[in-house]
Amino acid sequence: MDLMSYIISESYILIPVLYVIGMFLKKIPNIQDWLIPWILLGLGVIGGFFLSGMQLSGILQGVLVAGVTVFANQLYKQTLVKSNNNSGGGTAGGSGTIGNGDTVSGGGASGGGTGACGDNDTDAKG
């Protein structure tokens, strides 16, 4: 199934336009992130309506192009941007002390080291 076959060729121009508008909206501090897809949906519906010659099918075209825009942005962010951020190993690791003064290390949220604080734990005596 090819999603792009459902979008008329006149509406293709809305995809990069909505993407650029979304990038600008992201930089405005007063606009919360959860509002951006809704704003893009509204603009996509308006644009699709006018590009289709003010037919009701243009509303569907606007929904589709807004969906493709947000989907493409999420694919980019979650594959390229997130994989670049996770290439260095675990996050939120480090060391600290437990109640008896022993120093423990590791215990990151996404890997890296140990950090159990039981009787047979692997803490580094310091």
C-alpha atoms as a PDB file:
ATOM      1  CA  MET A   1       0.000   0.000   0.000  1.00  0.00           C
ATOM      2  CA  ASP A   2       1.491   3.310  -1.078  1.00  0.00           C
ATOM      3  CA  LEU A   3       0.341   6.180   1.129  1.00  0.00           C
ATOM      4  CA  MET A   4       1.398   8.750  -1.442  1.00  0.00           C
ATOM      5  CA  SER A   5      -1.100   7.313  -3.938  1.00  0.00           C
ATOM      6  CA  TYR A   6      -3.901   8.670  -1.763  1.00  0.00           C
ATOM      7  CA  ILE A   7      -2.564  12.217  -1.892  1.00  0.00           C
ATOM      8  CA  ILE A   8      -3.268  14.220  -5.041  1.00  0.00           C
ATOM      9  CA  SER A   9      -0.209  15.703  -6.722  1.00  0.00           C
ATOM     10  CA  GLU A  10      -1.384  19.278  -6.095  1.00  0.00           C
ATOM     11  CA  SER A  11      -1.139  18.646  -2.339  1.00  0.00           C
ATOM     12  CA  TYR A  12       2.470  17.426  -2.372  1.00  0.00           C
ATOM     13  CA  ILE A  13       3.694  20.995  -1.983  1.00  0.00           C
ATOM     14  CA  LEU A  14       2.009  21.187   1.429  1.00  0.00           C
ATOM     15  CA  ILE A  15       4.344  18.562   2.934  1.00  0.00           C
ATOM     16  CA  PRO A  16       7.564  20.638   2.881  1.00  0.00           C
ATOM     17  CA  VAL A  17       5.605  23.819   3.590  1.00  0.00           C
ATOM     18  CA  LEU A  18       4.073  22.302   6.721  1.00  0.00           C
ATOM     19  CA  TYR A  19       7.450  20.890   7.745  1.00  0.00           C
ATOM     20  CA  VAL A  20       9.085  24.331   7.571  1.00  0.00           C
ATOM     21  CA  ILE A  21       6.158  25.911   9.434  1.00  0.00           C
ATOM     22  CA  GLY A  22       6.523  23.228  12.102  1.00  0.00           C
ATOM     23  CA  MET A  23      10.229  24.022  12.455  1.00  0.00           C
ATOM     24  CA  PHE A  24       9.410  27.703  12.964  1.00  0.00           C
ATOM     25  CA  LEU A  25       6.652  26.877  15.455  1.00  0.00           C
ATOM     26  CA  LYS A  26       9.094  24.722  17.425  1.00  0.00           C
ATOM     27  CA  LYS A  27      11.336  27.749  17.961  1.00  0.00           C
ATOM     28  CA  ILE A  28       8.539  29.916  19.402  1.00  0.00           C
ATOM     29  CA  PRO A  29       8.734  29.541  23.194  1.00  0.00           C
ATOM     30  CA  ASN A  30       5.041  30.321  23.810  1.00  0.00           C
ATOM     31  CA  ILE A  31       3.842  27.391  21.681  1.00  0.00           C
ATOM     32  CA  GLN A  32       3.916  24.058  23.475  1.00  0.00           C
ATOM     33  CA  ASP A  33       5.136  20.974  21.596  1.00  0.00           C
ATOM     34  CA  TRP A  34       1.812  19.163  21.765  1.00  0.00           C
ATOM     35  CA  LEU A  35       0.118  22.059  19.933  1.00  0.00           C
ATOM     36  CA  ILE A  36       2.362  21.902  16.868  1.00  0.00           C
ATOM     37  CA  PRO A  37       0.753  18.822  15.214  1.00  0.00           C
ATOM     38  CA  TRP A  38      -2.692  20.331  15.793  1.00  0.00           C
ATOM     39  CA  ILE A  39      -1.677  23.633  14.218  1.00  0.00           C
ATOM     40  CA  LEU A  40      -0.153  21.768  11.269  1.00  0.00           C
ATOM     41  CA  LEU A  41      -3.341  19.735  10.918  1.00  0.00           C
ATOM     42  CA  GLY A  42      -5.431  22.910  10.763  1.00  0.00           C
ATOM     43  CA  LEU A  43      -3.124  24.537   8.240  1.00  0.00           C
ATOM     44  CA  GLY A  44      -2.994  21.331   6.196  1.00  0.00           C
ATOM     45  CA  VAL A  45      -6.787  21.110   6.077  1.00  0.00           C
ATOM     46  CA  ILE A  46      -7.062  24.753   5.016  1.00  0.00           C
ATOM     47  CA  GLY A  47      -4.340  24.341   2.388  1.00  0.00           C
ATOM     48  CA  GLY A  48      -5.769  21.072   1.088  1.00  0.00           C
ATOM     49  CA  PHE A  49      -9.233  22.594   0.856  1.00  0.00           C
ATOM     50  CA  PHE A  50      -8.022  25.479  -1.285  1.00  0.00           C
ATOM     51  CA  LEU A  51      -5.648  23.403  -3.426  1.00  0.00           C
ATOM     52  CA  SER A  52      -8.415  20.940  -4.282  1.00  0.00           C
ATOM     53  CA  GLY A  53     -10.643  23.695  -5.613  1.00  0.00           C
ATOM     54  CA  MET A  54     -12.629  24.079  -2.380  1.00  0.00           C
ATOM     55  CA  GLN A  55     -13.991  20.538  -2.461  1.00  0.00           C
ATOM     56  CA  LEU A  56     -14.627  18.491   0.643  1.00  0.00           C
ATOM     57  CA  SER A  57     -12.018  15.960  -0.474  1.00  0.00           C
ATOM     58  CA  GLY A  58      -9.463  18.705   0.179  1.00  0.00           C
ATOM     59  CA  ILE A  59     -10.085  18.309   3.899  1.00  0.00           C
ATOM     60  CA  LEU A  60      -8.975  14.688   3.644  1.00  0.00           C
ATOM     61  CA  GLN A  61      -5.964  15.797   1.619  1.00  0.00           C
ATOM     62  CA  GLY A  62      -5.035  18.234   4.383  1.00  0.00           C
ATOM     63  CA  VAL A  63      -5.282  15.511   7.015  1.00  0.00           C
ATOM     64  CA  LEU A  64      -3.103  13.201   4.916  1.00  0.00           C
ATOM     65  CA  VAL A  65      -0.370  15.746   4.206  1.00  0.00           C
ATOM     66  CA  ALA A  66      -0.286  16.843   7.859  1.00  0.00           C
ATOM     67  CA  GLY A  67      -0.003  13.185   8.853  1.00  0.00           C
ATOM     68  CA  VAL A  68       2.847  12.572   6.410  1.00  0.00           C
ATOM     69  CA  THR A  69       4.625  15.700   7.662  1.00  0.00           C
ATOM     70  CA  VAL A  70       4.407  14.792  11.348  1.00  0.00           C
ATOM     71  CA  PHE A  71       5.234  11.144  10.622  1.00  0.00           C
ATOM     72  CA  ALA A  72       8.312  12.086   8.590  1.00  0.00           C
ATOM     73  CA  ASN A  73       9.485  14.420  11.359  1.00  0.00           C
ATOM     74  CA  GLN A  74       9.080  11.714  14.002  1.00  0.00           C
ATOM     75  CA  LEU A  75      10.944   9.180  11.846  1.00  0.00           C
ATOM     76  CA  TYR A  76      13.789  11.635  11.485  1.00  0.00           C
ATOM     77  CA  LYS A  77      13.932  12.506  15.175  1.00  0.00           C
ATOM     78  CA  GLN A  78      13.595   8.980  16.500  1.00  0.00           C
ATOM     79  CA  THR A  79      16.047   7.304  14.136  1.00  0.00           C
ATOM     80  CA  LEU A  80      18.734   9.814  13.219  1.00  0.00           C
ATOM     81  CA  VAL A  81      18.697  12.231  16.141  1.00  0.00           C
ATOM     82  CA  LYS A  82      18.097   9.659  18.883  1.00  0.00           C
ATOM     83  CA  SER A  83      20.686   7.215  17.506  1.00  0.00           C
ATOM     84  CA  ASN A  84      23.281  10.005  17.528  1.00  0.00           C
ATOM     85  CA  ASN A  85      22.475  10.843  21.144  1.00  0.00           C
ATOM     86  CA  ASN A  86      22.708   7.211  22.302  1.00  0.00           C
ATOM     87  CA  SER A  87      26.024   6.373  20.695  1.00  0.00           C
ATOM     88  CA  GLY A  88      28.036   7.245  23.814  1.00  0.00           C
ATOM     89  CA  GLY A  89      26.728   4.517  26.123  1.00  0.00           C
ATOM     90  CA  GLY A  90      24.524   4.762  29.152  1.00  0.00           C
ATOM     91  CA  THR A  91      22.926   7.865  30.517  1.00  0.00           C
ATOM     92  CA  ALA A  92      22.332   8.965  34.087  1.00  0.00           C
ATOM     93  CA  GLY A  93      25.193   6.845  35.432  1.00  0.00           C
ATOM     94  CA  GLY A  94      27.622   7.974  38.075  1.00  0.00           C
ATOM     95  CA  SER A  95      28.537   7.191  41.624  1.00  0.00           C
ATOM     96  CA  GLY A  96      27.247   7.915  45.084  1.00  0.00           C
ATOM     97  CA  THR A  97      27.345   6.739  48.644  1.00  0.00           C
ATOM     98  CA  ILE A  98      25.027   4.411  50.501  1.00  0.00           C
ATOM     99  CA  GLY A  99      24.093   4.541  54.156  1.00  0.00           C
ATOM    100  CA  ASN A 100      27.258   2.904  55.533  1.00  0.00           C
ATOM    101  CA  GLY A 101      29.637   5.228  53.634  1.00  0.00           C
ATOM    102  CA  ASP A 102      30.515   2.791  50.823  1.00  0.00           C
ATOM    103  CA  THR A 103      30.795   4.294  47.354  1.00  0.00           C
ATOM    104  CA  VAL A 104      28.839   2.639  44.533  1.00  0.00           C
ATOM    105  CA  SER A 105      29.231   3.347  40.859  1.00  0.00           C
ATOM    106  CA  GLY A 106      27.167   2.915  37.708  1.00  0.00           C
ATOM    107  CA  GLY A 107      23.475   2.204  37.637  1.00  0.00           C
ATOM    108  CA  GLY A 108      22.614   4.300  34.608  1.00  0.00           C
ATOM    109  CA  ALA A 109      19.114   4.349  33.203  1.00  0.00           C
ATOM    110  CA  SER A 110      20.131   2.932  29.838  1.00  0.00           C
ATOM    111  CA  GLY A 111      23.156   0.877  30.708  1.00  0.00           C
ATOM    112  CA  GLY A 112      26.627   1.302  32.038  1.00  0.00           C
ATOM    113  CA  GLY A 113      27.926  -0.316  35.215  1.00  0.00           C
ATOM    114  CA  THR A 114      26.306  -1.859  38.212  1.00  0.00           C
ATOM    115  CA  GLY A 115      24.800  -0.267  41.220  1.00  0.00           C
ATOM    116  CA  ALA A 116      23.075  -2.842  43.377  1.00  0.00           C
ATOM    117  CA  CYS A 117      23.011  -2.013  47.072  1.00  0.00           C
ATOM    118  CA  GLY A 118      22.310  -5.453  48.553  1.00  0.00           C
ATOM    119  CA  ASP A 119      24.484  -7.726  50.729  1.00  0.00           C
ATOM    120  CA  ASN A 120      26.400  -9.175  47.784  1.00  0.00           C
ATOM    121  CA  ASP A 121      26.585  -5.996  45.715  1.00  0.00           C
ATOM    122  CA  THR A 122      29.388  -4.861  43.471  1.00  0.00           C
ATOM    123  CA  ASP A 123      30.347  -1.577  45.033  1.00  0.00           C
ATOM    124  CA  ALA A 124      33.778  -0.035  44.977  1.00  0.00           C
ATOM    125  CA  LYS A 125      35.180   0.559  48.428  1.00  0.00           C
ATOM    126  CA  GLY A 126      36.464   4.029  48.682  1.00  0.00           C
END
